[in-house]
Amino acid sequence: MIVNGIEIGPYRDLSRANFAGADLRGVNLQGADLSGANFARANLAGANLVDAVLVDAVFTKAKLWGAGLCGADCFQANLSKANLEGCNLKEANLDGANLQGANLEGANLEGANLSGFDLWGDNLIGANLKGANLANAVLDGANFAGVIMPDGSIHD
Protein backbone atom coordinates (compact mmCIF):
# COMPACT_ATOMS: atom_id res chain seq x y z
CA MET A 1 0.00 0.00 0.00
CA ILE A 2 1.29 3.47 -0.87
CA VAL A 3 0.12 6.50 1.15
CA ASN A 4 1.41 10.03 0.55
CA GLY A 5 4.02 8.54 -1.79
CA ILE A 6 5.35 6.23 0.96
CA GLU A 7 5.14 2.44 0.79
CA ILE A 8 3.81 1.29 4.14
CA GLY A 9 3.49 -2.07 5.84
CA PRO A 10 4.49 -4.06 8.89
CA TYR A 11 8.07 -3.94 10.20
CA ARG A 12 9.09 -1.12 7.83
CA ASP A 13 11.19 1.93 8.69
CA LEU A 14 8.70 4.77 8.47
CA SER A 15 10.46 7.05 10.93
CA ARG A 16 9.66 10.73 10.47
CA ALA A 17 7.10 9.94 7.75
CA ASN A 18 4.29 12.44 7.28
CA PHE A 19 0.85 10.86 7.33
CA ALA A 20 -0.99 14.00 8.43
CA GLY A 21 -4.63 13.74 7.40
CA ALA A 22 -4.09 10.36 5.69
CA ASP A 23 -6.74 7.64 5.49
CA LEU A 24 -5.00 4.65 7.09
CA ARG A 25 -8.07 2.70 8.17
CA GLY A 26 -7.23 -0.92 8.88
CA VAL A 27 -3.57 -0.57 7.86
CA ASN A 28 -1.07 -3.06 9.31
CA LEU A 29 1.91 -1.22 10.80
CA GLN A 30 2.77 -3.86 13.37
CA GLY A 31 6.40 -3.56 14.45
CA ALA A 32 7.06 -0.63 12.12
CA ASP A 33 9.47 2.12 13.16
CA LEU A 34 7.13 5.12 13.39
CA SER A 35 9.43 7.24 15.53
CA GLY A 36 8.85 10.91 14.83
CA ALA A 37 6.05 10.11 12.35
CA ASN A 38 3.22 12.62 12.03
CA PHE A 39 -0.29 11.15 12.20
CA ALA A 40 -2.04 14.44 13.01
CA ARG A 41 -5.70 14.27 11.90
CA ALA A 42 -5.05 10.84 10.29
CA ASN A 43 -7.76 8.17 10.34
CA LEU A 44 -6.23 5.01 11.82
CA ALA A 45 -9.51 3.30 12.72
CA GLY A 46 -8.86 -0.42 13.07
CA ALA A 47 -5.14 -0.02 12.35
CA ASN A 48 -2.61 -2.42 13.86
CA LEU A 49 0.17 -0.48 15.59
CA VAL A 50 1.11 -3.21 18.06
CA ASP A 51 4.83 -3.21 18.86
CA ALA A 52 5.39 -0.23 16.55
CA VAL A 53 8.08 2.21 17.69
CA LEU A 54 6.19 5.40 18.58
CA VAL A 55 8.95 7.53 20.11
CA ASP A 56 8.03 11.17 19.40
CA ALA A 57 5.15 10.13 17.12
CA VAL A 58 2.40 12.73 16.88
CA PHE A 59 -1.26 11.64 16.95
CA THR A 60 -2.84 15.03 17.59
CA LYS A 61 -6.54 14.84 16.72
CA ALA A 62 -6.00 11.45 15.07
CA LYS A 63 -8.86 8.95 14.92
CA LEU A 64 -7.90 5.59 16.39
CA TRP A 65 -11.24 3.89 17.01
CA GLY A 66 -10.62 0.22 17.61
CA ALA A 67 -6.94 0.49 16.72
CA GLY A 68 -4.40 -1.84 18.33
CA LEU A 69 -2.07 0.81 19.71
CA CYS A 70 1.22 0.01 21.40
CA GLY A 71 2.61 -3.20 22.64
CA ALA A 72 4.95 -2.88 25.54
CA ASP A 73 6.23 0.66 25.04
CA CYS A 74 4.80 4.02 23.98
CA PHE A 75 7.57 6.04 25.63
CA GLN A 76 7.52 9.72 24.62
CA ALA A 77 4.61 9.32 22.19
CA ASN A 78 2.68 12.55 21.73
CA LEU A 79 -0.96 11.57 21.92
CA SER A 80 -2.18 15.01 23.04
CA LYS A 81 -5.76 15.74 22.02
CA ALA A 82 -5.75 12.46 20.11
CA ASN A 83 -8.99 10.59 19.72
CA LEU A 84 -8.16 7.25 21.31
CA GLU A 85 -11.78 6.22 21.75
CA GLY A 86 -12.04 2.46 22.12
CA CYS A 87 -8.30 1.90 21.69
CA ASN A 88 -6.64 -1.11 23.22
CA LEU A 89 -3.83 0.18 25.40
CA LYS A 90 -3.80 -2.84 27.71
CA GLU A 91 -0.56 -3.09 29.68
CA ALA A 92 1.00 -0.32 27.58
CA ASN A 93 3.88 1.55 29.16
CA LEU A 94 2.75 5.13 28.65
CA ASP A 95 5.40 6.56 30.97
CA GLY A 96 6.48 9.84 29.42
CA ALA A 97 3.76 9.90 26.74
CA ASN A 98 1.68 13.05 26.35
CA LEU A 99 -2.03 12.26 26.71
CA GLN A 100 -3.23 15.70 27.80
CA GLY A 101 -6.69 16.49 26.45
CA ALA A 102 -6.99 13.07 24.80
CA ASN A 103 -10.33 11.36 24.27
CA LEU A 104 -9.93 7.99 25.98
CA GLU A 105 -13.62 7.16 26.08
CA GLY A 106 -14.04 3.40 26.30
CA ALA A 107 -10.29 2.82 25.97
CA ASN A 108 -8.82 -0.32 27.47
CA LEU A 109 -6.03 0.86 29.76
CA GLU A 110 -6.06 -2.27 31.90
CA GLY A 111 -2.68 -2.68 33.57
CA ALA A 112 -1.24 0.35 31.75
CA ASN A 113 1.47 2.49 33.34
CA LEU A 114 -0.04 5.98 33.71
CA SER A 115 2.20 7.03 36.60
CA GLY A 116 2.88 10.75 36.79
CA PHE A 117 0.35 11.52 34.06
CA ASP A 118 -1.51 14.79 33.78
CA LEU A 119 -4.96 13.56 32.76
CA TRP A 120 -6.57 16.97 33.41
CA GLY A 121 -9.49 17.46 31.05
CA ASP A 122 -9.27 13.99 29.51
CA ASN A 123 -12.44 12.14 28.60
CA LEU A 124 -12.21 8.76 30.29
CA ILE A 125 -15.92 7.85 30.16
CA GLY A 126 -16.24 4.08 30.34
CA ALA A 127 -12.50 3.48 30.13
CA ASN A 128 -11.01 0.38 31.74
CA LEU A 129 -8.29 1.35 34.23
CA LYS A 130 -8.33 -1.96 36.11
CA GLY A 131 -4.84 -2.65 37.41
CA ALA A 132 -3.49 0.58 35.89
CA ASN A 133 -0.67 2.38 37.69
CA LEU A 134 -1.95 5.90 38.48
CA ALA A 135 0.75 6.76 41.04
CA ASN A 136 1.29 10.55 41.15
CA ALA A 137 -1.15 11.08 38.28
CA VAL A 138 -3.04 14.39 38.13
CA LEU A 139 -6.70 13.48 37.72
CA ASP A 140 -8.37 16.88 38.28
CA GLY A 141 -10.96 17.76 35.67
CA ALA A 142 -10.96 14.32 34.02
CA ASN A 143 -14.35 12.78 33.27
CA PHE A 144 -14.48 9.41 35.04
CA ALA A 145 -18.15 8.50 34.52
CA GLY A 146 -18.50 4.73 34.31
CA VAL A 147 -14.75 4.17 34.50
CA ILE A 148 -13.52 0.80 35.76
CA MET A 149 -11.07 1.95 38.42
CA PRO A 150 -7.68 0.32 39.21
CA ASP A 151 -9.25 -1.73 42.03
CA GLY A 152 -11.96 -3.05 39.71
CA SER A 153 -14.76 -0.86 41.08
CA ILE A 154 -16.86 1.25 38.75
CA HIS A 155 -16.80 5.03 39.26
CA ASP A 156 -20.21 6.68 39.56
C-alpha atoms as a PDB file:
ATOM      1  CA  MET A   1       0.000   0.000   0.000  1.00  0.00           C
ATOM      2  CA  ILE A   2       1.288   3.470  -0.866  1.00  0.00           C
ATOM      3  CA  VAL A   3       0.120   6.498   1.151  1.00  0.00           C
ATOM      4  CA  ASN A   4       1.407  10.030   0.548  1.00  0.00           C
ATOM      5  CA  GLY A   5       4.015   8.538  -1.785  1.00  0.00           C
ATOM      6  CA  ILE A   6       5.353   6.228   0.956  1.00  0.00           C
ATOM      7  CA  GLU A   7       5.144   2.441   0.791  1.00  0.00           C
ATOM      8  CA  ILE A   8       3.811   1.286   4.137  1.00  0.00           C
ATOM      9  CA  GLY A   9       3.493  -2.069   5.836  1.00  0.00           C
ATOM     10  CA  PRO A  10       4.494  -4.061   8.890  1.00  0.00           C
ATOM     11  CA  TYR A  11       8.071  -3.942  10.198  1.00  0.00           C
ATOM     12  CA  ARG A  12       9.086  -1.118   7.833  1.00  0.00           C
ATOM     13  CA  ASP A  13      11.193   1.930   8.694  1.00  0.00           C
ATOM     14  CA  LEU A  14       8.702   4.773   8.471  1.00  0.00           C
ATOM     15  CA  SER A  15      10.455   7.048  10.931  1.00  0.00           C
ATOM     16  CA  ARG A  16       9.656  10.734  10.470  1.00  0.00           C
ATOM     17  CA  ALA A  17       7.095   9.940   7.746  1.00  0.00           C
ATOM     18  CA  ASN A  18       4.290  12.441   7.282  1.00  0.00           C
ATOM     19  CA  PHE A  19       0.848  10.855   7.327  1.00  0.00           C
ATOM     20  CA  ALA A  20      -0.989  14.001   8.429  1.00  0.00           C
ATOM     21  CA  GLY A  21      -4.628  13.740   7.398  1.00  0.00           C
ATOM     22  CA  ALA A  22      -4.087  10.355   5.689  1.00  0.00           C
ATOM     23  CA  ASP A  23      -6.736   7.638   5.492  1.00  0.00           C
ATOM     24  CA  LEU A  24      -4.997   4.647   7.088  1.00  0.00           C
ATOM     25  CA  ARG A  25      -8.073   2.704   8.175  1.00  0.00           C
ATOM     26  CA  GLY A  26      -7.228  -0.923   8.879  1.00  0.00           C
ATOM     27  CA  VAL A  27      -3.574  -0.572   7.864  1.00  0.00           C
ATOM     28  CA  ASN A  28      -1.069  -3.058   9.311  1.00  0.00           C
ATOM     29  CA  LEU A  29       1.908  -1.215  10.798  1.00  0.00           C
ATOM     30  CA  GLN A  30       2.774  -3.856  13.373  1.00  0.00           C
ATOM     31  CA  GLY A  31       6.397  -3.559  14.453  1.00  0.00           C
ATOM     32  CA  ALA A  32       7.060  -0.632  12.122  1.00  0.00           C
ATOM     33  CA  ASP A  33       9.470   2.122  13.158  1.00  0.00           C
ATOM     34  CA  LEU A  34       7.132   5.120  13.389  1.00  0.00           C
ATOM     35  CA  SER A  35       9.429   7.245  15.532  1.00  0.00           C
ATOM     36  CA  GLY A  36       8.846  10.912  14.828  1.00  0.00           C
ATOM     37  CA  ALA A  37       6.053  10.112  12.349  1.00  0.00           C
ATOM     38  CA  ASN A  38       3.223  12.624  12.029  1.00  0.00           C
ATOM     39  CA  PHE A  39      -0.290  11.153  12.201  1.00  0.00           C
ATOM     40  CA  ALA A  40      -2.036  14.444  13.011  1.00  0.00           C
ATOM     41  CA  ARG A  41      -5.701  14.275  11.898  1.00  0.00           C
ATOM     42  CA  ALA A  42      -5.053  10.839  10.288  1.00  0.00           C
ATOM     43  CA  ASN A  43      -7.760   8.175  10.342  1.00  0.00           C
ATOM     44  CA  LEU A  44      -6.229   5.009  11.824  1.00  0.00           C
ATOM     45  CA  ALA A  45      -9.507   3.298  12.724  1.00  0.00           C
ATOM     46  CA  GLY A  46      -8.858  -0.425  13.068  1.00  0.00           C
ATOM     47  CA  ALA A  47      -5.136  -0.019  12.351  1.00  0.00           C
ATOM     48  CA  ASN A  48      -2.609  -2.423  13.859  1.00  0.00           C
ATOM     49  CA  LEU A  49       0.173  -0.477  15.591  1.00  0.00           C
ATOM     50  CA  VAL A  50       1.108  -3.213  18.064  1.00  0.00           C
ATOM     51  CA  ASP A  51       4.833  -3.205  18.860  1.00  0.00           C
ATOM     52  CA  ALA A  52       5.392  -0.234  16.554  1.00  0.00           C
ATOM     53  CA  VAL A  53       8.076   2.207  17.693  1.00  0.00           C
ATOM     54  CA  LEU A  54       6.189   5.401  18.581  1.00  0.00           C
ATOM     55  CA  VAL A  55       8.950   7.530  20.106  1.00  0.00           C
ATOM     56  CA  ASP A  56       8.026  11.172  19.399  1.00  0.00           C
ATOM     57  CA  ALA A  57       5.146  10.127  17.116  1.00  0.00           C
ATOM     58  CA  VAL A  58       2.396  12.732  16.876  1.00  0.00           C
ATOM     59  CA  PHE A  59      -1.261  11.636  16.948  1.00  0.00           C
ATOM     60  CA  THR A  60      -2.842  15.027  17.587  1.00  0.00           C
ATOM     61  CA  LYS A  61      -6.545  14.840  16.717  1.00  0.00           C
ATOM     62  CA  ALA A  62      -5.996  11.446  15.069  1.00  0.00           C
ATOM     63  CA  LYS A  63      -8.858   8.953  14.917  1.00  0.00           C
ATOM     64  CA  LEU A  64      -7.901   5.594  16.391  1.00  0.00           C
ATOM     65  CA  TRP A  65     -11.240   3.893  17.013  1.00  0.00           C
ATOM     66  CA  GLY A  66     -10.622   0.220  17.608  1.00  0.00           C
ATOM     67  CA  ALA A  67      -6.939   0.494  16.724  1.00  0.00           C
ATOM     68  CA  GLY A  68      -4.404  -1.837  18.325  1.00  0.00           C
ATOM     69  CA  LEU A  69      -2.065   0.807  19.710  1.00  0.00           C
ATOM     70  CA  CYS A  70       1.223   0.007  21.404  1.00  0.00           C
ATOM     71  CA  GLY A  71       2.606  -3.205  22.640  1.00  0.00           C
ATOM     72  CA  ALA A  72       4.946  -2.884  25.543  1.00  0.00           C
ATOM     73  CA  ASP A  73       6.231   0.657  25.036  1.00  0.00           C
ATOM     74  CA  CYS A  74       4.804   4.016  23.978  1.00  0.00           C
ATOM     75  CA  PHE A  75       7.572   6.045  25.632  1.00  0.00           C
ATOM     76  CA  GLN A  76       7.515   9.722  24.616  1.00  0.00           C
ATOM     77  CA  ALA A  77       4.607   9.320  22.185  1.00  0.00           C
ATOM     78  CA  ASN A  78       2.685  12.554  21.732  1.00  0.00           C
ATOM     79  CA  LEU A  79      -0.964  11.575  21.918  1.00  0.00           C
ATOM     80  CA  SER A  80      -2.176  15.014  23.038  1.00  0.00           C
ATOM     81  CA  LYS A  81      -5.759  15.745  22.019  1.00  0.00           C
ATOM     82  CA  ALA A  82      -5.754  12.457  20.111  1.00  0.00           C
ATOM     83  CA  ASN A  83      -8.988  10.591  19.724  1.00  0.00           C
ATOM     84  CA  LEU A  84      -8.165   7.250  21.308  1.00  0.00           C
ATOM     85  CA  GLU A  85     -11.779   6.217  21.748  1.00  0.00           C
ATOM     86  CA  GLY A  86     -12.045   2.456  22.122  1.00  0.00           C
ATOM     87  CA  CYS A  87      -8.301   1.898  21.691  1.00  0.00           C
ATOM     88  CA  ASN A  88      -6.644  -1.115  23.224  1.00  0.00           C
ATOM     89  CA  LEU A  89      -3.827   0.178  25.395  1.00  0.00           C
ATOM     90  CA  LYS A  90      -3.804  -2.841  27.706  1.00  0.00           C
ATOM     91  CA  GLU A  91      -0.558  -3.088  29.683  1.00  0.00           C
ATOM     92  CA  ALA A  92       1.001  -0.321  27.585  1.00  0.00           C
ATOM     93  CA  ASN A  93       3.884   1.548  29.159  1.00  0.00           C
ATOM     94  CA  LEU A  94       2.751   5.125  28.646  1.00  0.00           C
ATOM     95  CA  ASP A  95       5.398   6.561  30.970  1.00  0.00           C
ATOM     96  CA  GLY A  96       6.480   9.839  29.422  1.00  0.00           C
ATOM     97  CA  ALA A  97       3.763   9.899  26.744  1.00  0.00           C
ATOM     98  CA  ASN A  98       1.678  13.050  26.354  1.00  0.00           C
ATOM     99  CA  LEU A  99      -2.034  12.259  26.712  1.00  0.00           C
ATOM    100  CA  GLN A 100      -3.228  15.704  27.797  1.00  0.00           C
ATOM    101  CA  GLY A 101      -6.689  16.491  26.450  1.00  0.00           C
ATOM    102  CA  ALA A 102      -6.992  13.070  24.800  1.00  0.00           C
ATOM    103  CA  ASN A 103     -10.335  11.360  24.267  1.00  0.00           C
ATOM    104  CA  LEU A 104      -9.926   7.995  25.983  1.00  0.00           C
ATOM    105  CA  GLU A 105     -13.625   7.155  26.082  1.00  0.00           C
ATOM    106  CA  GLY A 106     -14.043   3.401  26.301  1.00  0.00           C
ATOM    107  CA  ALA A 107     -10.294   2.824  25.967  1.00  0.00           C
ATOM    108  CA  ASN A 108      -8.824  -0.318  27.467  1.00  0.00           C
ATOM    109  CA  LEU A 109      -6.026   0.864  29.755  1.00  0.00           C
ATOM    110  CA  GLU A 110      -6.057  -2.275  31.896  1.00  0.00           C
ATOM    111  CA  GLY A 111      -2.677  -2.676  33.566  1.00  0.00           C
ATOM    112  CA  ALA A 112      -1.238   0.350  31.751  1.00  0.00           C
ATOM    113  CA  ASN A 113       1.466   2.493  33.336  1.00  0.00           C
ATOM    114  CA  LEU A 114      -0.035   5.978  33.707  1.00  0.00           C
ATOM    115  CA  SER A 115       2.201   7.027  36.597  1.00  0.00           C
ATOM    116  CA  GLY A 116       2.877  10.745  36.790  1.00  0.00           C
ATOM    117  CA  PHE A 117       0.348  11.519  34.058  1.00  0.00           C
ATOM    118  CA  ASP A 118      -1.506  14.785  33.775  1.00  0.00           C
ATOM    119  CA  LEU A 119      -4.960  13.561  32.758  1.00  0.00           C
ATOM    120  CA  TRP A 120      -6.571  16.968  33.408  1.00  0.00           C
ATOM    121  CA  GLY A 121      -9.491  17.463  31.049  1.00  0.00           C
ATOM    122  CA  ASP A 122      -9.266  13.995  29.510  1.00  0.00           C
ATOM    123  CA  ASN A 123     -12.444  12.145  28.598  1.00  0.00           C
ATOM    124  CA  LEU A 124     -12.207   8.765  30.286  1.00  0.00           C
ATOM    125  CA  ILE A 125     -15.915   7.852  30.155  1.00  0.00           C
ATOM    126  CA  GLY A 126     -16.242   4.084  30.344  1.00  0.00           C
ATOM    127  CA  ALA A 127     -12.498   3.482  30.132  1.00  0.00           C
ATOM    128  CA  ASN A 128     -11.013   0.379  31.735  1.00  0.00           C
ATOM    129  CA  LEU A 129      -8.289   1.354  34.228  1.00  0.00           C
ATOM    130  CA  LYS A 130      -8.332  -1.965  36.109  1.00  0.00           C
ATOM    131  CA  GLY A 131      -4.840  -2.655  37.412  1.00  0.00           C
ATOM    132  CA  ALA A 132      -3.489   0.579  35.894  1.00  0.00           C
ATOM    133  CA  ASN A 133      -0.674   2.378  37.694  1.00  0.00           C
ATOM    134  CA  LEU A 134      -1.947   5.898  38.481  1.00  0.00           C
ATOM    135  CA  ALA A 135       0.754   6.764  41.042  1.00  0.00           C
ATOM    136  CA  ASN A 136       1.292  10.548  41.152  1.00  0.00           C
ATOM    137  CA  ALA A 137      -1.148  11.079  38.277  1.00  0.00           C
ATOM    138  CA  VAL A 138      -3.043  14.385  38.131  1.00  0.00           C
ATOM    139  CA  LEU A 139      -6.701  13.475  37.723  1.00  0.00           C
ATOM    140  CA  ASP A 140      -8.374  16.878  38.281  1.00  0.00           C
ATOM    141  CA  GLY A 141     -10.963  17.760  35.672  1.00  0.00           C
ATOM    142  CA  ALA A 142     -10.961  14.323  34.018  1.00  0.00           C
ATOM    143  CA  ASN A 143     -14.352  12.780  33.265  1.00  0.00           C
ATOM    144  CA  PHE A 144     -14.476   9.406  35.035  1.00  0.00           C
ATOM    145  CA  ALA A 145     -18.154   8.501  34.522  1.00  0.00           C
ATOM    146  CA  GLY A 146     -18.497   4.727  34.306  1.00  0.00           C
ATOM    147  CA  VAL A 147     -14.746   4.167  34.503  1.00  0.00           C
ATOM    148  CA  ILE A 148     -13.520   0.801  35.764  1.00  0.00           C
ATOM    149  CA  MET A 149     -11.070   1.946  38.424  1.00  0.00           C
ATOM    150  CA  PRO A 150      -7.679   0.322  39.206  1.00  0.00           C
ATOM    151  CA  ASP A 151      -9.249  -1.729  42.033  1.00  0.00           C
ATOM    152  CA  GLY A 152     -11.964  -3.055  39.706  1.00  0.00           C
ATOM    153  CA  SER A 153     -14.757  -0.857  41.084  1.00  0.00           C
ATOM    154  CA  ILE A 154     -16.858   1.250  38.746  1.00  0.00           C
ATOM    155  CA  HIS A 155     -16.797   5.026  39.263  1.00  0.00           C
ATOM    156  CA  ASP A 156     -20.212   6.683  39.560  1.00  0.00           C
END
